[in-house]
N, C-alpha and C. Protein backbone atom coordinates (compact mmCIF):
# COMPACT_ATOMS: atom_id res chain seq x y z
N MET A 1 106.28 133.48 90.65
CA MET A 1 106.75 132.33 91.38
C MET A 1 107.86 132.74 92.33
N SER A 2 107.89 132.09 93.48
CA SER A 2 108.95 132.37 94.43
C SER A 2 109.68 131.09 94.80
N ASN A 3 110.91 131.23 95.18
CA ASN A 3 111.71 130.09 95.62
C ASN A 3 111.89 130.18 97.12
N SER A 4 111.83 129.04 97.78
CA SER A 4 112.07 128.99 99.21
C SER A 4 112.78 127.69 99.53
N LEU A 5 113.18 127.54 100.78
CA LEU A 5 113.87 126.34 101.21
C LEU A 5 112.99 125.54 102.15
N ARG A 6 113.08 124.24 102.03
CA ARG A 6 112.48 123.30 102.97
C ARG A 6 113.63 122.46 103.50
N PHE A 7 113.46 121.92 104.66
CA PHE A 7 114.48 121.10 105.29
C PHE A 7 113.90 119.71 105.52
N ILE A 8 114.51 118.72 104.87
CA ILE A 8 114.02 117.35 104.90
C ILE A 8 114.95 116.51 105.78
N VAL A 9 114.35 115.69 106.65
CA VAL A 9 115.12 114.78 107.50
C VAL A 9 115.34 113.49 106.71
N TRP A 10 116.60 113.07 106.64
CA TRP A 10 116.99 111.86 105.91
C TRP A 10 117.53 110.82 106.88
N ALA A 11 117.24 109.55 106.60
CA ALA A 11 117.79 108.42 107.34
C ALA A 11 118.90 107.79 106.51
N HIS A 12 120.01 107.49 107.16
CA HIS A 12 121.17 106.88 106.49
C HIS A 12 121.51 105.58 107.20
N ARG A 13 121.43 104.49 106.45
CA ARG A 13 121.76 103.18 107.00
C ARG A 13 123.18 102.81 106.60
N SER A 14 123.92 102.28 107.54
CA SER A 14 125.32 101.91 107.35
C SER A 14 125.45 100.68 106.45
N ALA A 15 126.58 100.58 105.78
CA ALA A 15 126.89 99.40 104.97
C ALA A 15 127.03 98.16 105.86
N ASP A 16 127.30 98.37 107.14
CA ASP A 16 127.44 97.25 108.09
C ASP A 16 126.09 96.67 108.51
N SER A 17 125.00 97.32 108.14
CA SER A 17 123.66 96.82 108.45
C SER A 17 123.41 95.54 107.66
N ILE A 18 122.57 94.65 108.18
CA ILE A 18 122.28 93.42 107.45
C ILE A 18 121.54 93.69 106.14
N PHE A 19 120.96 94.89 106.02
CA PHE A 19 120.26 95.27 104.80
C PHE A 19 121.13 96.09 103.85
N GLY A 20 122.34 96.43 104.27
CA GLY A 20 123.25 97.21 103.44
C GLY A 20 123.00 98.71 103.54
N ALA A 21 123.84 99.46 102.87
CA ALA A 21 123.79 100.93 102.93
C ALA A 21 122.60 101.46 102.15
N ALA A 22 122.02 102.53 102.67
CA ALA A 22 120.92 103.21 101.98
C ALA A 22 120.70 104.58 102.61
N SER A 23 120.18 105.50 101.83
CA SER A 23 119.77 106.82 102.32
C SER A 23 118.41 107.15 101.72
N ASN A 24 117.48 107.54 102.58
CA ASN A 24 116.13 107.85 102.15
C ASN A 24 115.55 108.95 103.02
N PRO A 25 114.65 109.75 102.46
CA PRO A 25 113.97 110.73 103.31
C PRO A 25 113.08 109.98 104.31
N VAL A 26 112.93 110.55 105.50
CA VAL A 26 112.06 109.96 106.50
C VAL A 26 110.61 110.25 106.12
N VAL A 27 109.77 109.22 106.15
CA VAL A 27 108.37 109.36 105.81
C VAL A 27 107.54 109.11 107.06
N ARG A 28 106.64 110.06 107.35
CA ARG A 28 105.70 109.93 108.47
C ARG A 28 104.30 110.19 107.95
N ASN A 29 103.41 109.29 108.29
CA ASN A 29 102.01 109.44 107.88
C ASN A 29 101.86 109.67 106.38
N GLY A 30 102.69 109.00 105.61
CA GLY A 30 102.57 109.06 104.16
C GLY A 30 103.25 110.23 103.47
N SER A 31 103.93 111.10 104.21
CA SER A 31 104.63 112.21 103.55
C SER A 31 106.00 112.42 104.18
N MET A 32 106.88 113.03 103.41
CA MET A 32 108.24 113.26 103.89
C MET A 32 108.23 114.19 105.10
N LEU A 33 109.14 113.93 106.02
CA LEU A 33 109.28 114.75 107.22
C LEU A 33 110.05 116.01 106.85
N THR A 34 109.32 117.10 106.63
CA THR A 34 109.92 118.35 106.19
C THR A 34 109.55 119.49 107.14
N PHE A 35 110.40 120.50 107.14
CA PHE A 35 110.20 121.67 107.99
C PHE A 35 110.52 122.93 107.20
N ASP A 36 109.84 124.02 107.52
CA ASP A 36 110.16 125.33 106.96
C ASP A 36 111.34 125.97 107.69
N ASP A 37 111.54 125.53 108.92
CA ASP A 37 112.56 126.12 109.80
C ASP A 37 113.69 125.11 110.03
N GLU A 38 114.92 125.51 109.72
CA GLU A 38 116.06 124.60 109.85
C GLU A 38 116.28 124.18 111.30
N LYS A 39 116.10 125.09 112.22
CA LYS A 39 116.32 124.76 113.64
C LYS A 39 115.37 123.65 114.09
N ARG A 40 114.12 123.73 113.71
CA ARG A 40 113.15 122.69 114.07
C ARG A 40 113.52 121.35 113.44
N ALA A 41 114.01 121.38 112.21
CA ALA A 41 114.44 120.14 111.54
C ALA A 41 115.62 119.53 112.27
N ARG A 42 116.56 120.36 112.69
CA ARG A 42 117.75 119.85 113.41
C ARG A 42 117.39 119.30 114.79
N VAL A 43 116.42 119.92 115.45
CA VAL A 43 115.96 119.40 116.75
C VAL A 43 115.34 118.01 116.56
N GLN A 44 114.50 117.85 115.54
CA GLN A 44 113.89 116.55 115.26
C GLN A 44 114.96 115.52 114.90
N CYS A 45 115.94 115.94 114.11
CA CYS A 45 117.04 115.06 113.71
C CYS A 45 117.83 114.60 114.95
N ALA A 46 118.12 115.51 115.86
CA ALA A 46 118.85 115.16 117.09
C ALA A 46 118.03 114.18 117.93
N HIS A 47 116.73 114.39 117.99
CA HIS A 47 115.85 113.47 118.73
C HIS A 47 115.92 112.07 118.13
N LEU A 48 115.85 111.97 116.83
CA LEU A 48 115.91 110.67 116.16
C LEU A 48 117.28 110.02 116.34
N ASN A 49 118.36 110.81 116.24
CA ASN A 49 119.70 110.26 116.42
C ASN A 49 119.91 109.74 117.84
N ALA A 50 119.31 110.39 118.83
CA ALA A 50 119.45 109.95 120.22
C ALA A 50 118.81 108.58 120.42
N ARG A 51 117.84 108.23 119.60
CA ARG A 51 117.13 106.96 119.74
C ARG A 51 117.59 105.90 118.74
N SER A 52 118.54 106.23 117.87
CA SER A 52 118.95 105.28 116.82
C SER A 52 120.08 104.38 117.31
N ASN A 53 120.48 103.45 116.47
CA ASN A 53 121.56 102.52 116.80
C ASN A 53 122.80 102.83 115.98
N ASN A 54 123.80 101.94 116.07
CA ASN A 54 125.07 102.17 115.37
C ASN A 54 124.96 102.08 113.86
N TYR A 55 123.89 101.51 113.36
CA TYR A 55 123.74 101.30 111.92
C TYR A 55 122.86 102.33 111.24
N LEU A 56 122.32 103.25 112.01
CA LEU A 56 121.38 104.22 111.45
C LEU A 56 121.63 105.60 112.05
N HIS A 57 121.71 106.60 111.19
CA HIS A 57 121.78 107.98 111.68
C HIS A 57 120.96 108.87 110.76
N TYR A 58 120.66 110.05 111.26
CA TYR A 58 119.78 110.99 110.55
C TYR A 58 120.51 112.29 110.28
N SER A 59 120.12 112.96 109.20
CA SER A 59 120.68 114.26 108.87
C SER A 59 119.58 115.13 108.26
N VAL A 60 119.91 116.40 108.09
CA VAL A 60 118.98 117.35 107.49
C VAL A 60 119.57 117.82 106.18
N LYS A 61 118.76 117.82 105.14
CA LYS A 61 119.18 118.32 103.83
C LYS A 61 118.28 119.48 103.43
N ARG A 62 118.91 120.54 102.93
CA ARG A 62 118.15 121.69 102.41
C ARG A 62 117.66 121.35 101.01
N THR A 63 116.42 121.71 100.75
CA THR A 63 115.84 121.45 99.44
C THR A 63 115.12 122.69 98.95
N PRO A 64 115.52 123.23 97.81
CA PRO A 64 114.78 124.38 97.27
C PRO A 64 113.40 123.93 96.79
N VAL A 65 112.42 124.75 97.08
CA VAL A 65 111.05 124.48 96.66
C VAL A 65 110.60 125.63 95.79
N ARG A 66 110.10 125.30 94.64
CA ARG A 66 109.60 126.32 93.73
C ARG A 66 108.09 126.35 93.85
N ARG A 67 107.57 127.48 94.23
CA ARG A 67 106.13 127.63 94.42
C ARG A 67 105.58 128.60 93.39
N SER A 68 104.40 128.29 92.93
CA SER A 68 103.75 129.18 91.96
C SER A 68 103.08 130.33 92.71
N ALA A 69 102.78 131.39 92.01
CA ALA A 69 102.13 132.56 92.60
C ALA A 69 100.72 132.20 93.10
N ASN A 70 100.10 131.17 92.52
CA ASN A 70 98.75 130.77 92.92
C ASN A 70 98.74 129.86 94.13
N SER A 71 99.90 129.32 94.49
CA SER A 71 99.99 128.35 95.57
C SER A 71 99.69 128.97 96.93
N SER A 72 98.95 128.25 97.75
CA SER A 72 98.66 128.73 99.10
C SER A 72 99.65 128.21 100.10
N ASN A 73 100.66 127.42 99.69
CA ASN A 73 101.66 126.84 100.60
C ASN A 73 102.70 127.85 100.99
């Protein structure tokens, strides 16, 4: 088994939002928005932040992924 890192884009909603504070991974097409490359994740995050409002911002979190030797990922 090997360990590697994935970079997940997270959305953070402000407590000032009418829905209150929350943090969740961004989901696109039914799966979390993840990248193998941190630079690509940060570029996507910057793109999302440029289009967001005062109550929502995005960040990148590193997540260790444990893969089995049989895994093709």
